[in-house]
Amino acid sequence: MMKLRSKRFSRSNSKIGKGGSASGGAGGKGCVTAGEIKWEVRPGGMLVQRRDCGEGVGHGTITVRVSTVSQWHDISIQATSTFGELKMILSLVTSLEPKEQRVLFKGKEREDYEHLHMVGVRDKDKMLLLEDPAIKEMKLLQLTGGAAIGTPYRTIRV
């Protein structure tokens, strides 16, 4: 036999404003709120209730560990920044321009306009920085004088 619990969706039994705490969010790790409700607009345009706890996503500065092929870089950045802003900071640390960089988070390449906290980047998360293979090939062609590697030179008669 299976027992079912009823879920209450009304706010009448809530302890907000009575000196108690309301728990919500992911995994029951809620923030303590009391008194009036404060609202904020997220970068995507969604109106949400503001969280007043320090461990919430989107608050303060986070440290992200970015791995290149040969080394690690610990970057401190605002949680509400975009991947484009992260690429600008990485261009100062590495010798790659932002358009030459590919930043991967959780196995996916992220676009410049995406916000870190909207994708789920938290403090002490790891990312991978790769050089764009197309630009890497163009640089290599410029260094070799325009001749493609592995192709023989052709003689053109006029």
N, C-alpha and C. Protein backbone atom coordinates (compact mmCIF):
# COMPACT_ATOMS: atom_id res chain seq x y z
N MET A 1 0.84 -1.18 0.00
CA MET A 1 0.00 0.00 0.00
C MET A 1 0.88 1.24 0.00
N MET A 2 0.47 2.23 -0.68
CA MET A 2 1.25 3.44 -0.84
C MET A 2 0.54 4.62 -0.17
N LYS A 3 1.26 5.37 0.62
CA LYS A 3 0.68 6.53 1.28
C LYS A 3 1.02 7.78 0.49
N LEU A 4 0.07 8.60 0.28
CA LEU A 4 0.27 9.85 -0.45
C LEU A 4 0.12 11.01 0.50
N ARG A 5 0.99 11.98 0.37
CA ARG A 5 0.90 13.19 1.18
C ARG A 5 0.27 14.29 0.35
N SER A 6 -0.56 15.02 0.96
CA SER A 6 -1.15 16.14 0.24
C SER A 6 -0.20 17.33 0.32
N LYS A 7 -0.14 18.06 -0.75
CA LYS A 7 0.72 19.25 -0.81
C LYS A 7 -0.15 20.49 -0.70
N ARG A 8 0.24 21.38 0.15
CA ARG A 8 -0.51 22.62 0.32
C ARG A 8 0.15 23.72 -0.48
N PHE A 9 -0.63 24.36 -1.31
CA PHE A 9 -0.10 25.42 -2.15
C PHE A 9 -0.53 26.80 -1.69
N SER A 10 -1.26 26.87 -0.62
CA SER A 10 -1.72 28.18 -0.15
C SER A 10 -0.65 28.81 0.74
N ARG A 11 -0.66 30.12 0.82
CA ARG A 11 0.31 30.85 1.64
C ARG A 11 -0.26 31.17 3.02
N SER A 12 -1.48 30.75 3.29
CA SER A 12 -2.10 31.10 4.56
C SER A 12 -1.39 30.46 5.74
N ASN A 13 -0.72 29.33 5.52
CA ASN A 13 -0.04 28.62 6.59
C ASN A 13 1.44 29.01 6.65
N SER A 14 1.84 29.99 5.87
CA SER A 14 3.24 30.39 5.79
C SER A 14 3.66 31.14 7.04
N LYS A 15 4.93 31.03 7.40
CA LYS A 15 5.46 31.70 8.58
C LYS A 15 6.19 32.99 8.24
N ILE A 16 6.06 33.47 7.01
CA ILE A 16 6.73 34.72 6.62
C ILE A 16 6.10 35.88 7.37
N GLY A 17 6.92 36.69 7.96
CA GLY A 17 6.44 37.86 8.68
C GLY A 17 6.03 37.58 10.12
N LYS A 18 6.09 36.34 10.56
CA LYS A 18 5.74 35.99 11.93
C LYS A 18 6.96 35.62 12.75
N GLY A 19 8.14 36.03 12.27
CA GLY A 19 9.35 35.73 13.01
C GLY A 19 9.96 34.41 12.63
N GLY A 20 9.29 33.63 11.80
CA GLY A 20 9.82 32.33 11.39
C GLY A 20 10.63 32.48 10.12
N SER A 21 11.00 31.36 9.56
CA SER A 21 11.75 31.39 8.32
C SER A 21 11.03 30.58 7.28
N ALA A 22 11.16 31.00 6.04
CA ALA A 22 10.58 30.26 4.93
C ALA A 22 11.70 29.63 4.14
N SER A 23 11.57 28.37 3.86
CA SER A 23 12.62 27.72 3.09
C SER A 23 12.10 27.44 1.70
N GLY A 24 12.94 27.70 0.73
CA GLY A 24 12.58 27.45 -0.66
C GLY A 24 13.85 27.29 -1.44
N GLY A 25 13.73 27.30 -2.77
CA GLY A 25 14.92 27.17 -3.59
C GLY A 25 15.27 25.73 -3.83
N ALA A 26 16.52 25.48 -4.18
CA ALA A 26 16.96 24.14 -4.55
C ALA A 26 17.36 23.34 -3.32
N GLY A 27 16.78 22.17 -3.17
CA GLY A 27 17.20 21.26 -2.12
C GLY A 27 16.87 21.70 -0.72
N GLY A 28 15.92 22.63 -0.54
CA GLY A 28 15.54 23.05 0.78
C GLY A 28 16.50 24.03 1.41
N LYS A 29 17.47 24.53 0.69
CA LYS A 29 18.41 25.50 1.24
C LYS A 29 17.84 26.89 0.99
N GLY A 30 16.89 27.29 1.78
CA GLY A 30 16.23 28.56 1.58
C GLY A 30 16.91 29.68 2.34
N CYS A 31 16.46 30.85 2.08
CA CYS A 31 16.99 32.03 2.74
C CYS A 31 15.95 32.54 3.72
N VAL A 32 16.40 33.15 4.75
CA VAL A 32 15.50 33.69 5.76
C VAL A 32 14.98 35.03 5.25
N THR A 33 13.67 35.14 5.18
CA THR A 33 13.06 36.40 4.78
C THR A 33 12.06 36.80 5.85
N ALA A 34 11.96 38.06 6.10
CA ALA A 34 11.00 38.56 7.07
C ALA A 34 10.50 39.91 6.62
N GLY A 35 9.27 40.21 6.94
CA GLY A 35 8.73 41.51 6.60
C GLY A 35 8.28 41.57 5.16
N GLU A 36 8.55 42.71 4.53
CA GLU A 36 8.07 42.92 3.16
C GLU A 36 8.89 42.12 2.15
N ILE A 37 8.25 41.81 1.04
CA ILE A 37 8.90 41.04 -0.02
C ILE A 37 9.57 42.01 -0.98
N LYS A 38 10.84 41.75 -1.31
CA LYS A 38 11.58 42.58 -2.25
C LYS A 38 11.68 41.84 -3.57
N TRP A 39 11.60 42.58 -4.67
CA TRP A 39 11.60 41.98 -6.00
C TRP A 39 12.80 42.47 -6.79
N GLU A 40 13.24 41.65 -7.75
CA GLU A 40 14.31 42.05 -8.65
C GLU A 40 14.01 41.51 -10.04
N VAL A 41 14.59 42.16 -11.04
CA VAL A 41 14.42 41.73 -12.42
C VAL A 41 15.71 41.07 -12.87
N ARG A 42 15.63 39.83 -13.30
CA ARG A 42 16.79 39.10 -13.79
C ARG A 42 17.15 39.58 -15.19
N PRO A 43 18.39 39.31 -15.64
CA PRO A 43 18.79 39.76 -16.98
C PRO A 43 17.90 39.22 -18.10
N GLY A 44 17.26 38.09 -17.90
CA GLY A 44 16.35 37.55 -18.91
C GLY A 44 15.01 38.26 -18.93
N GLY A 45 14.75 39.16 -17.97
CA GLY A 45 13.51 39.91 -17.93
C GLY A 45 12.50 39.33 -16.95
N MET A 46 12.83 38.27 -16.25
CA MET A 46 11.91 37.63 -15.33
C MET A 46 11.91 38.37 -13.99
N LEU A 47 10.72 38.61 -13.47
CA LEU A 47 10.56 39.26 -12.17
C LEU A 47 10.51 38.18 -11.11
N VAL A 48 11.46 38.22 -10.16
CA VAL A 48 11.56 37.19 -9.13
C VAL A 48 11.73 37.84 -7.76
N GLN A 49 11.44 37.05 -6.74
CA GLN A 49 11.63 37.53 -5.38
C GLN A 49 13.12 37.53 -5.06
N ARG A 50 13.61 38.63 -4.49
CA ARG A 50 15.03 38.76 -4.17
C ARG A 50 15.39 37.86 -3.01
N ARG A 51 16.54 37.18 -3.17
CA ARG A 51 17.06 36.35 -2.09
C ARG A 51 18.04 37.19 -1.28
N ASP A 52 17.93 37.13 0.03
CA ASP A 52 18.78 37.93 0.89
C ASP A 52 19.88 37.13 1.55
N CYS A 53 20.17 35.93 1.07
CA CYS A 53 21.23 35.14 1.69
C CYS A 53 22.51 35.27 0.87
N GLY A 54 23.64 35.02 1.50
CA GLY A 54 24.93 35.18 0.86
C GLY A 54 25.31 34.07 -0.09
N GLU A 55 24.69 32.87 0.06
CA GLU A 55 25.10 31.75 -0.76
C GLU A 55 24.28 31.62 -2.03
N GLY A 56 23.38 32.54 -2.31
CA GLY A 56 22.56 32.46 -3.50
C GLY A 56 23.35 32.76 -4.76
N VAL A 57 22.90 32.17 -5.85
CA VAL A 57 23.55 32.41 -7.14
C VAL A 57 23.21 33.82 -7.60
N GLY A 58 24.15 34.51 -8.16
CA GLY A 58 23.91 35.85 -8.67
C GLY A 58 24.29 36.95 -7.71
N HIS A 59 24.88 36.62 -6.58
CA HIS A 59 25.26 37.64 -5.61
C HIS A 59 26.77 37.69 -5.50
N GLY A 60 27.32 38.87 -5.57
CA GLY A 60 28.73 39.06 -5.28
C GLY A 60 29.69 38.53 -6.32
N THR A 61 30.92 38.40 -5.87
CA THR A 61 32.00 37.97 -6.73
C THR A 61 32.24 36.47 -6.56
N ILE A 62 32.44 35.80 -7.69
CA ILE A 62 32.75 34.38 -7.66
C ILE A 62 34.13 34.17 -8.25
N THR A 63 34.77 33.07 -7.89
CA THR A 63 36.07 32.71 -8.44
C THR A 63 35.87 31.50 -9.35
N VAL A 64 36.32 31.63 -10.59
CA VAL A 64 36.17 30.58 -11.57
C VAL A 64 37.56 30.10 -11.97
N ARG A 65 37.77 28.79 -12.01
CA ARG A 65 39.05 28.23 -12.43
C ARG A 65 38.93 27.88 -13.91
N VAL A 66 39.75 28.54 -14.73
CA VAL A 66 39.72 28.32 -16.18
C VAL A 66 40.98 27.56 -16.56
N SER A 67 40.81 26.46 -17.25
CA SER A 67 41.92 25.62 -17.66
C SER A 67 42.21 25.81 -19.14
N THR A 68 43.46 26.12 -19.45
CA THR A 68 43.91 26.07 -20.83
C THR A 68 44.61 24.73 -21.01
N VAL A 69 45.25 24.50 -22.11
CA VAL A 69 45.90 23.22 -22.34
C VAL A 69 47.02 22.99 -21.34
N SER A 70 47.76 24.03 -21.00
CA SER A 70 48.96 23.84 -20.19
C SER A 70 48.89 24.43 -18.78
N GLN A 71 47.89 25.25 -18.45
CA GLN A 71 47.89 25.89 -17.14
C GLN A 71 46.48 26.24 -16.67
N TRP A 72 46.36 26.61 -15.38
CA TRP A 72 45.12 27.02 -14.75
C TRP A 72 45.16 28.51 -14.47
N HIS A 73 44.00 29.16 -14.56
CA HIS A 73 43.88 30.56 -14.18
C HIS A 73 42.67 30.69 -13.27
N ASP A 74 42.87 31.27 -12.08
CA ASP A 74 41.77 31.57 -11.18
C ASP A 74 41.33 33.00 -11.43
N ILE A 75 40.08 33.16 -11.89
CA ILE A 75 39.55 34.47 -12.27
C ILE A 75 38.43 34.84 -11.30
N SER A 76 38.51 36.04 -10.73
CA SER A 76 37.43 36.57 -9.89
C SER A 76 36.58 37.49 -10.74
N ILE A 77 35.27 37.24 -10.76
CA ILE A 77 34.36 37.98 -11.63
C ILE A 77 32.99 38.05 -10.96
N GLN A 78 32.19 39.03 -11.33
CA GLN A 78 30.83 39.14 -10.80
C GLN A 78 29.99 37.98 -11.33
N ALA A 79 29.11 37.46 -10.52
CA ALA A 79 28.28 36.32 -10.92
C ALA A 79 27.30 36.70 -12.02
N THR A 80 26.96 37.98 -12.13
CA THR A 80 26.00 38.41 -13.14
C THR A 80 26.68 38.82 -14.45
N SER A 81 27.98 38.60 -14.58
CA SER A 81 28.70 38.96 -15.80
C SER A 81 28.36 37.97 -16.91
N THR A 82 28.73 38.34 -18.14
CA THR A 82 28.51 37.47 -19.29
C THR A 82 29.79 36.73 -19.63
N PHE A 83 29.67 35.73 -20.50
CA PHE A 83 30.84 35.00 -20.95
C PHE A 83 31.73 35.90 -21.81
N GLY A 84 31.16 36.90 -22.47
CA GLY A 84 31.95 37.86 -23.23
C GLY A 84 32.87 38.67 -22.32
N GLU A 85 32.36 39.07 -21.16
CA GLU A 85 33.18 39.80 -20.19
C GLU A 85 34.27 38.90 -19.62
N LEU A 86 33.95 37.63 -19.42
CA LEU A 86 34.95 36.66 -18.96
C LEU A 86 36.05 36.50 -20.00
N LYS A 87 35.68 36.48 -21.27
CA LYS A 87 36.67 36.37 -22.35
C LYS A 87 37.58 37.59 -22.39
N MET A 88 37.03 38.77 -22.09
CA MET A 88 37.85 39.99 -22.06
C MET A 88 38.91 39.88 -20.96
N ILE A 89 38.53 39.37 -19.80
CA ILE A 89 39.48 39.20 -18.70
C ILE A 89 40.51 38.14 -19.06
N LEU A 90 40.06 37.07 -19.70
CA LEU A 90 40.98 36.00 -20.11
C LEU A 90 41.96 36.47 -21.19
N SER A 91 41.54 37.44 -22.00
CA SER A 91 42.46 37.96 -23.02
C SER A 91 43.61 38.72 -22.37
N LEU A 92 43.40 39.30 -21.19
CA LEU A 92 44.48 39.96 -20.47
C LEU A 92 45.45 38.95 -19.87
N VAL A 93 44.92 37.81 -19.43
CA VAL A 93 45.75 36.78 -18.80
C VAL A 93 46.48 35.95 -19.85
N THR A 94 45.75 35.57 -20.89
CA THR A 94 46.36 34.79 -21.98
C THR A 94 46.65 35.75 -23.13
N SER A 95 47.27 35.26 -24.17
CA SER A 95 47.56 36.11 -25.33
C SER A 95 46.51 35.96 -26.42
N LEU A 96 45.37 35.36 -26.09
CA LEU A 96 44.32 35.14 -27.08
C LEU A 96 43.30 36.28 -27.05
N GLU A 97 42.92 36.75 -28.21
CA GLU A 97 41.85 37.75 -28.31
C GLU A 97 40.51 37.07 -28.01
N PRO A 98 39.50 37.84 -27.56
CA PRO A 98 38.21 37.23 -27.23
C PRO A 98 37.57 36.47 -28.41
N LYS A 99 37.75 36.95 -29.64
CA LYS A 99 37.17 36.25 -30.78
C LYS A 99 37.90 34.94 -31.09
N GLU A 100 39.10 34.76 -30.56
CA GLU A 100 39.87 33.54 -30.77
C GLU A 100 39.60 32.49 -29.72
N GLN A 101 38.80 32.82 -28.70
CA GLN A 101 38.59 31.93 -27.57
C GLN A 101 37.29 31.15 -27.70
N ARG A 102 37.32 29.92 -27.21
CA ARG A 102 36.12 29.11 -27.06
C ARG A 102 36.07 28.67 -25.61
N VAL A 103 35.04 29.11 -24.87
CA VAL A 103 34.91 28.78 -23.45
C VAL A 103 33.85 27.70 -23.31
N LEU A 104 34.23 26.59 -22.69
CA LEU A 104 33.32 25.47 -22.48
C LEU A 104 33.00 25.35 -21.00
N PHE A 105 31.72 25.23 -20.69
CA PHE A 105 31.26 25.01 -19.32
C PHE A 105 30.27 23.86 -19.35
N LYS A 106 30.50 22.86 -18.54
CA LYS A 106 29.70 21.64 -18.49
C LYS A 106 29.60 20.98 -19.86
N GLY A 107 30.72 20.99 -20.60
CA GLY A 107 30.79 20.30 -21.88
C GLY A 107 30.18 21.02 -23.06
N LYS A 108 29.69 22.24 -22.86
CA LYS A 108 29.07 22.99 -23.95
C LYS A 108 29.77 24.33 -24.14
N GLU A 109 29.92 24.72 -25.40
CA GLU A 109 30.49 26.04 -25.68
C GLU A 109 29.43 27.08 -25.39
N ARG A 110 29.80 28.12 -24.69
CA ARG A 110 28.86 29.16 -24.30
C ARG A 110 29.05 30.40 -25.17
N GLU A 111 27.94 31.08 -25.46
CA GLU A 111 27.96 32.28 -26.28
C GLU A 111 28.32 33.49 -25.42
N ASP A 112 28.76 34.55 -26.08
CA ASP A 112 29.22 35.75 -25.37
C ASP A 112 28.10 36.45 -24.60
N TYR A 113 26.88 36.36 -25.07
CA TYR A 113 25.77 37.08 -24.44
C TYR A 113 25.18 36.35 -23.24
N GLU A 114 25.55 35.09 -23.01
CA GLU A 114 24.98 34.32 -21.90
C GLU A 114 25.57 34.78 -20.56
N HIS A 115 24.72 34.91 -19.57
CA HIS A 115 25.16 35.32 -18.23
C HIS A 115 25.62 34.11 -17.45
N LEU A 116 26.64 34.30 -16.63
CA LEU A 116 27.23 33.19 -15.87
C LEU A 116 26.21 32.57 -14.93
N HIS A 117 25.50 33.38 -14.15
CA HIS A 117 24.58 32.83 -13.16
C HIS A 117 23.34 32.20 -13.80
N MET A 118 22.98 32.61 -15.00
CA MET A 118 21.82 32.04 -15.68
C MET A 118 22.14 30.64 -16.20
N VAL A 119 23.40 30.37 -16.51
CA VAL A 119 23.82 29.06 -17.00
C VAL A 119 24.07 28.11 -15.84
N GLY A 120 24.32 28.66 -14.66
CA GLY A 120 24.54 27.83 -13.48
C GLY A 120 25.96 27.85 -12.96
N VAL A 121 26.75 28.85 -13.36
CA VAL A 121 28.13 28.95 -12.88
C VAL A 121 28.10 29.43 -11.43
N ARG A 122 28.79 28.70 -10.58
CA ARG A 122 28.87 29.05 -9.16
C ARG A 122 30.31 29.24 -8.76
N ASP A 123 30.52 29.61 -7.51
CA ASP A 123 31.86 29.83 -6.99
C ASP A 123 32.68 28.54 -7.08
N LYS A 124 33.91 28.65 -7.51
CA LYS A 124 34.89 27.57 -7.62
C LYS A 124 34.53 26.54 -8.69
N ASP A 125 33.73 26.92 -9.69
CA ASP A 125 33.46 26.03 -10.81
C ASP A 125 34.61 26.06 -11.79
N LYS A 126 34.69 25.04 -12.64
CA LYS A 126 35.79 24.92 -13.60
C LYS A 126 35.28 25.07 -15.01
N MET A 127 36.08 25.72 -15.85
CA MET A 127 35.77 25.90 -17.27
C MET A 127 36.99 25.54 -18.09
N LEU A 128 36.77 25.33 -19.37
CA LEU A 128 37.85 24.97 -20.27
C LEU A 128 37.95 26.04 -21.35
N LEU A 129 39.16 26.53 -21.58
CA LEU A 129 39.41 27.55 -22.60
C LEU A 129 40.22 26.92 -23.72
N LEU A 130 39.67 26.97 -24.93
CA LEU A 130 40.35 26.44 -26.10
C LEU A 130 40.49 27.55 -27.14
N GLU A 131 41.51 27.41 -27.97
CA GLU A 131 41.67 28.33 -29.08
C GLU A 131 40.81 27.84 -30.23
N ASP A 132 40.13 28.77 -30.90
CA ASP A 132 39.26 28.42 -32.02
C ASP A 132 40.09 27.78 -33.12
N PRO A 133 39.76 26.56 -33.56
CA PRO A 133 40.60 25.87 -34.55
C PRO A 133 40.67 26.58 -35.89
N ALA A 134 39.61 27.27 -36.30
CA ALA A 134 39.63 27.99 -37.57
C ALA A 134 40.64 29.13 -37.54
N ILE A 135 40.67 29.87 -36.45
CA ILE A 135 41.62 30.98 -36.33
C ILE A 135 43.03 30.46 -36.15
N LYS A 136 43.16 29.34 -35.47
CA LYS A 136 44.48 28.72 -35.30
C LYS A 136 45.04 28.31 -36.67
N GLU A 137 44.19 27.79 -37.53
CA GLU A 137 44.62 27.40 -38.87
C GLU A 137 44.98 28.62 -39.71
N MET A 138 44.21 29.70 -39.57
CA MET A 138 44.53 30.93 -40.33
C MET A 138 45.87 31.50 -39.90
N LYS A 139 46.17 31.47 -38.61
CA LYS A 139 47.47 31.94 -38.11
C LYS A 139 48.60 31.09 -38.69
N LEU A 140 48.37 29.79 -38.73
CA LEU A 140 49.37 28.87 -39.25
C LEU A 140 49.62 29.11 -40.74
N LEU A 141 48.55 29.40 -41.49
CA LEU A 141 48.70 29.71 -42.91
C LEU A 141 49.48 31.01 -43.13
N GLN A 142 49.25 31.99 -42.28
CA GLN A 142 49.97 33.25 -42.39
C GLN A 142 51.45 33.06 -42.10
N LEU A 143 51.77 32.19 -41.14
CA LEU A 143 53.17 31.94 -40.79
C LEU A 143 53.91 31.19 -41.89
N THR A 144 53.21 30.32 -42.61
CA THR A 144 53.87 29.53 -43.65
C THR A 144 53.88 30.25 -45.00
N GLY A 145 53.39 31.45 -45.04
CA GLY A 145 53.42 32.22 -46.28
C GLY A 145 52.25 31.94 -47.20
N GLY A 146 51.18 31.43 -46.71
CA GLY A 146 49.99 31.21 -47.51
C GLY A 146 49.90 29.83 -48.12
N ALA A 147 50.95 29.04 -48.07
CA ALA A 147 50.91 27.69 -48.63
C ALA A 147 50.29 26.75 -47.62
N ALA A 148 49.36 25.94 -48.08
CA ALA A 148 48.72 24.98 -47.19
C ALA A 148 49.69 23.83 -46.90
N ILE A 149 49.60 23.30 -45.72
CA ILE A 149 50.50 22.22 -45.33
C ILE A 149 50.07 20.94 -46.04
N GLY A 150 51.03 20.24 -46.64
CA GLY A 150 50.74 18.98 -47.29
C GLY A 150 50.33 19.11 -48.74
N THR A 151 50.14 20.30 -49.27
CA THR A 151 49.78 20.46 -50.68
C THR A 151 51.00 20.92 -51.45
N PRO A 152 51.24 20.29 -52.59
CA PRO A 152 52.41 20.68 -53.39
C PRO A 152 52.16 22.02 -54.08
N TYR A 153 53.27 22.71 -54.37
CA TYR A 153 53.17 23.97 -55.10
C TYR A 153 52.78 23.70 -56.53
N ARG A 154 51.95 24.52 -57.11
CA ARG A 154 51.52 24.37 -58.49
C ARG A 154 52.16 25.45 -59.34
N THR A 155 52.52 25.07 -60.53
CA THR A 155 53.09 26.03 -61.46
C THR A 155 52.01 26.45 -62.43
N ILE A 156 51.81 27.74 -62.55
CA ILE A 156 50.79 28.27 -63.45
C ILE A 156 51.48 28.90 -64.64
N ARG A 157 51.14 28.46 -65.84
CA ARG A 157 51.71 29.02 -67.07
C ARG A 157 50.74 30.01 -67.65
N VAL A 158 51.30 31.13 -68.09
CA VAL A 158 50.47 32.17 -68.69
C VAL A 158 50.77 32.29 -70.15
